[in-house]
Amino acid sequence: MTEVSIAVRLKAPDPAAMTALSTLKRINPATCPCSLERYDYWRFIKPGGGKVTVEKIVSHFHDIVNPNKQSWSFSDESGSLHSWDEELVWTEVLVTDKVDSISENWTEILRRNKYEVERVMYSVLWRLGFPSGTSIADARERTLALTVTSHRDHGLLANPISQNISLLDPV
């Protein structure tokens, strides 16, 4: 297996997602999603034992997943989670820092602890749910417009100067 990815979310309502949604409703009410979710997204490149190795890492390092506060799940090869309200049209976007010390540090920590992983990549996964009847093309267009910051009242979730933005393929 070349890559195993997990998505981690808070068990309680996420204050960052709630604040972001409130702000989007204020600055872009016409294009705002009905729902916004935020996940920590971890990609483990070439884990020696595949999902078994990743499960061991998750259970050992509570800085990746704190079982008291967070839940996690594996994502599929496209990055998608496949778990959402069927009444909405969902899009997903990954935001990754171009200079990523979190990934570098975790790669070194796992190597020092003898976990067989070539590299760790950390991102934030934003999931935007739009009203049913919204076309996938329109939802993807809105997602990019709401995500990529270009000035004070356009975009909010990612800065293209310091972050890479990847719109994931719809399911």
Protein backbone atom coordinates (compact mmCIF):
# COMPACT_ATOMS: atom_id res chain seq x y z
CA MET A 1 0.00 0.00 0.00
CA THR A 2 1.54 3.33 -1.02
CA GLU A 3 -0.58 5.70 1.07
CA VAL A 4 -3.01 5.43 3.96
CA SER A 5 -5.02 8.52 4.92
CA ILE A 6 -7.08 9.31 7.98
CA ALA A 7 -9.38 12.17 8.87
CA VAL A 8 -9.62 13.34 12.47
CA ARG A 9 -12.42 15.48 13.83
CA LEU A 10 -13.50 16.80 17.18
CA LYS A 11 -16.29 14.89 18.92
CA ALA A 12 -17.77 18.21 20.07
CA PRO A 13 -18.83 20.92 17.62
CA ASP A 14 -15.72 22.43 16.01
CA PRO A 15 -15.36 26.12 16.96
CA ALA A 16 -13.11 26.85 13.95
CA ALA A 17 -15.68 25.44 11.51
CA MET A 18 -18.54 27.24 13.28
CA THR A 19 -16.67 30.56 13.17
CA ALA A 20 -15.71 30.08 9.52
CA LEU A 21 -19.31 29.26 8.53
CA SER A 22 -20.62 32.28 10.43
CA THR A 23 -18.09 34.53 8.69
CA LEU A 24 -18.87 33.05 5.25
CA LYS A 25 -22.58 33.69 5.86
CA ARG A 26 -21.79 37.29 6.65
CA ILE A 27 -19.41 38.05 3.75
CA ASN A 28 -20.87 35.77 1.04
CA PRO A 29 -24.48 34.90 1.94
CA ALA A 30 -25.51 34.03 -1.63
CA THR A 31 -22.82 31.39 -2.15
CA CYS A 32 -22.40 30.14 1.41
CA PRO A 33 -22.73 26.42 2.17
CA CYS A 34 -25.39 25.10 4.56
CA SER A 35 -22.79 23.07 6.43
CA LEU A 36 -19.03 23.31 6.95
CA GLU A 37 -16.84 20.66 8.57
CA ARG A 38 -13.13 20.70 9.38
CA TYR A 39 -10.83 17.71 9.77
CA ASP A 40 -7.16 17.17 10.45
CA TYR A 41 -6.09 15.06 7.49
CA TRP A 42 -3.05 12.79 7.83
CA ARG A 43 -1.46 10.93 4.92
CA PHE A 44 1.04 8.21 5.75
CA ILE A 45 3.21 7.52 2.71
CA LYS A 46 4.37 3.92 2.27
CA PRO A 47 3.48 2.57 5.72
CA GLY A 48 5.19 -0.81 6.13
CA GLY A 49 2.16 -2.64 7.46
CA GLY A 50 -0.52 -0.58 5.69
CA LYS A 51 -3.60 0.21 7.77
CA VAL A 52 -2.37 -1.94 10.66
CA THR A 53 0.71 0.29 11.06
CA VAL A 54 -1.43 3.43 10.90
CA GLU A 55 -3.80 2.04 13.55
CA LYS A 56 -0.80 1.41 15.82
CA ILE A 57 0.47 4.95 15.26
CA VAL A 58 -2.97 6.44 16.01
CA SER A 59 -3.36 4.41 19.20
CA HIS A 60 0.15 5.29 20.40
CA PHE A 61 0.33 9.02 19.64
CA HIS A 62 -2.50 10.99 21.24
CA ASP A 63 -1.18 14.17 19.61
CA ILE A 64 -2.45 12.78 16.29
CA VAL A 65 -5.76 11.50 17.67
CA ASN A 66 -6.79 12.24 21.25
CA PRO A 67 -9.43 9.54 21.93
CA ASN A 68 -11.02 11.68 24.66
CA LYS A 69 -11.73 14.57 22.29
CA GLN A 70 -11.51 13.26 18.74
CA SER A 71 -12.73 10.52 16.45
CA TRP A 72 -11.08 9.34 13.26
CA SER A 73 -11.67 7.25 10.16
CA PHE A 74 -9.77 6.03 7.15
CA SER A 75 -10.44 7.86 3.90
CA ASP A 76 -10.47 6.24 0.47
CA GLU A 77 -7.86 6.65 -2.27
CA SER A 78 -9.47 9.88 -3.55
CA GLY A 79 -9.32 11.43 -0.06
CA SER A 80 -13.08 11.38 0.37
CA LEU A 81 -14.76 10.30 3.60
CA HIS A 82 -18.13 9.10 2.21
CA SER A 83 -19.96 10.01 5.41
CA TRP A 84 -22.31 12.92 5.17
CA ASP A 85 -25.86 14.11 5.05
CA GLU A 86 -27.43 12.84 1.81
CA GLU A 87 -29.66 15.92 1.66
CA LEU A 88 -26.69 18.13 0.76
CA VAL A 89 -24.28 18.31 -2.17
CA TRP A 90 -20.79 17.92 -0.68
CA THR A 91 -17.41 19.12 -1.84
CA GLU A 92 -14.07 18.64 -0.15
CA VAL A 93 -10.90 20.69 -0.31
CA LEU A 94 -7.48 19.94 1.19
CA VAL A 95 -5.36 22.83 2.44
CA THR A 96 -1.66 22.09 2.99
CA ASP A 97 1.04 24.47 4.14
CA LYS A 98 3.81 24.88 1.53
CA VAL A 99 6.40 25.00 4.31
CA ASP A 100 5.11 22.20 6.48
CA SER A 101 6.95 21.70 9.76
CA ILE A 102 4.15 19.53 11.19
CA SER A 103 4.68 16.88 8.50
CA GLU A 104 8.46 17.06 8.77
CA ASN A 105 8.39 16.75 12.56
CA TRP A 106 5.97 13.81 12.57
CA THR A 107 7.99 12.01 9.91
CA GLU A 108 11.06 12.28 12.17
CA ILE A 109 9.15 11.29 15.31
CA LEU A 110 7.81 8.13 13.66
CA ARG A 111 11.22 7.20 12.27
CA ARG A 112 12.84 7.64 15.71
CA ASN A 113 10.16 5.37 17.17
CA LYS A 114 10.83 2.71 14.51
CA TYR A 115 7.53 3.02 12.67
CA GLU A 116 7.97 2.02 9.07
CA VAL A 117 6.63 5.09 7.26
CA GLU A 118 8.44 6.92 4.48
CA ARG A 119 6.73 10.26 5.09
CA VAL A 120 3.82 11.91 6.88
CA MET A 121 1.78 14.68 5.25
CA TYR A 122 -0.56 16.86 7.32
CA SER A 123 -3.38 18.96 5.84
CA VAL A 124 -6.70 20.44 6.83
CA LEU A 125 -9.71 18.97 5.05
CA TRP A 126 -12.71 21.30 4.69
CA ARG A 127 -16.05 19.75 3.70
CA LEU A 128 -18.71 22.10 2.38
CA GLY A 129 -22.35 21.00 2.09
CA PHE A 130 -24.55 22.95 -0.32
CA PRO A 131 -28.36 22.79 -0.72
CA SER A 132 -29.71 19.81 -2.66
CA GLY A 133 -30.30 20.74 -6.26
CA THR A 134 -26.94 22.50 -6.48
CA SER A 135 -24.98 21.04 -9.38
CA ILE A 136 -21.59 19.49 -8.66
CA ALA A 137 -19.96 22.02 -11.00
CA ASP A 138 -21.58 24.95 -9.15
CA ALA A 139 -20.68 23.47 -5.75
CA ARG A 140 -17.05 23.06 -6.84
CA GLU A 141 -16.94 26.61 -8.20
CA ARG A 142 -18.42 28.00 -4.97
CA THR A 143 -16.01 25.93 -2.90
CA LEU A 144 -12.98 27.39 -4.62
CA ALA A 145 -14.39 30.92 -4.40
CA LEU A 146 -15.07 30.51 -0.68
CA THR A 147 -11.77 28.76 0.06
CA VAL A 148 -9.09 30.72 -1.79
CA THR A 149 -8.41 34.10 -0.19
CA SER A 150 -7.78 36.88 -2.69
CA HIS A 151 -8.88 39.94 -0.72
CA ARG A 152 -10.75 40.88 2.46
CA ASP A 153 -14.18 39.65 1.45
CA HIS A 154 -13.32 36.91 -1.02
CA GLY A 155 -12.27 33.50 0.23
CA LEU A 156 -11.52 32.54 3.80
CA LEU A 157 -10.18 29.04 4.29
CA ALA A 158 -6.78 29.11 2.55
CA ASN A 159 -4.05 31.54 1.58
CA PRO A 160 -2.65 30.61 -1.86
CA ILE A 161 0.63 32.39 -1.11
CA SER A 162 1.55 30.01 1.71
CA GLN A 163 -0.77 27.04 1.16
CA ASN A 164 -1.57 24.51 -1.55
CA ILE A 165 -5.26 24.04 -2.25
CA SER A 166 -6.56 20.75 -3.70
CA LEU A 167 -10.21 20.37 -4.58
CA LEU A 168 -11.00 16.67 -4.23
CA ASP A 169 -13.00 14.76 -6.81
CA PRO A 170 -16.70 14.42 -5.95
CA VAL A 171 -18.05 11.01 -5.08
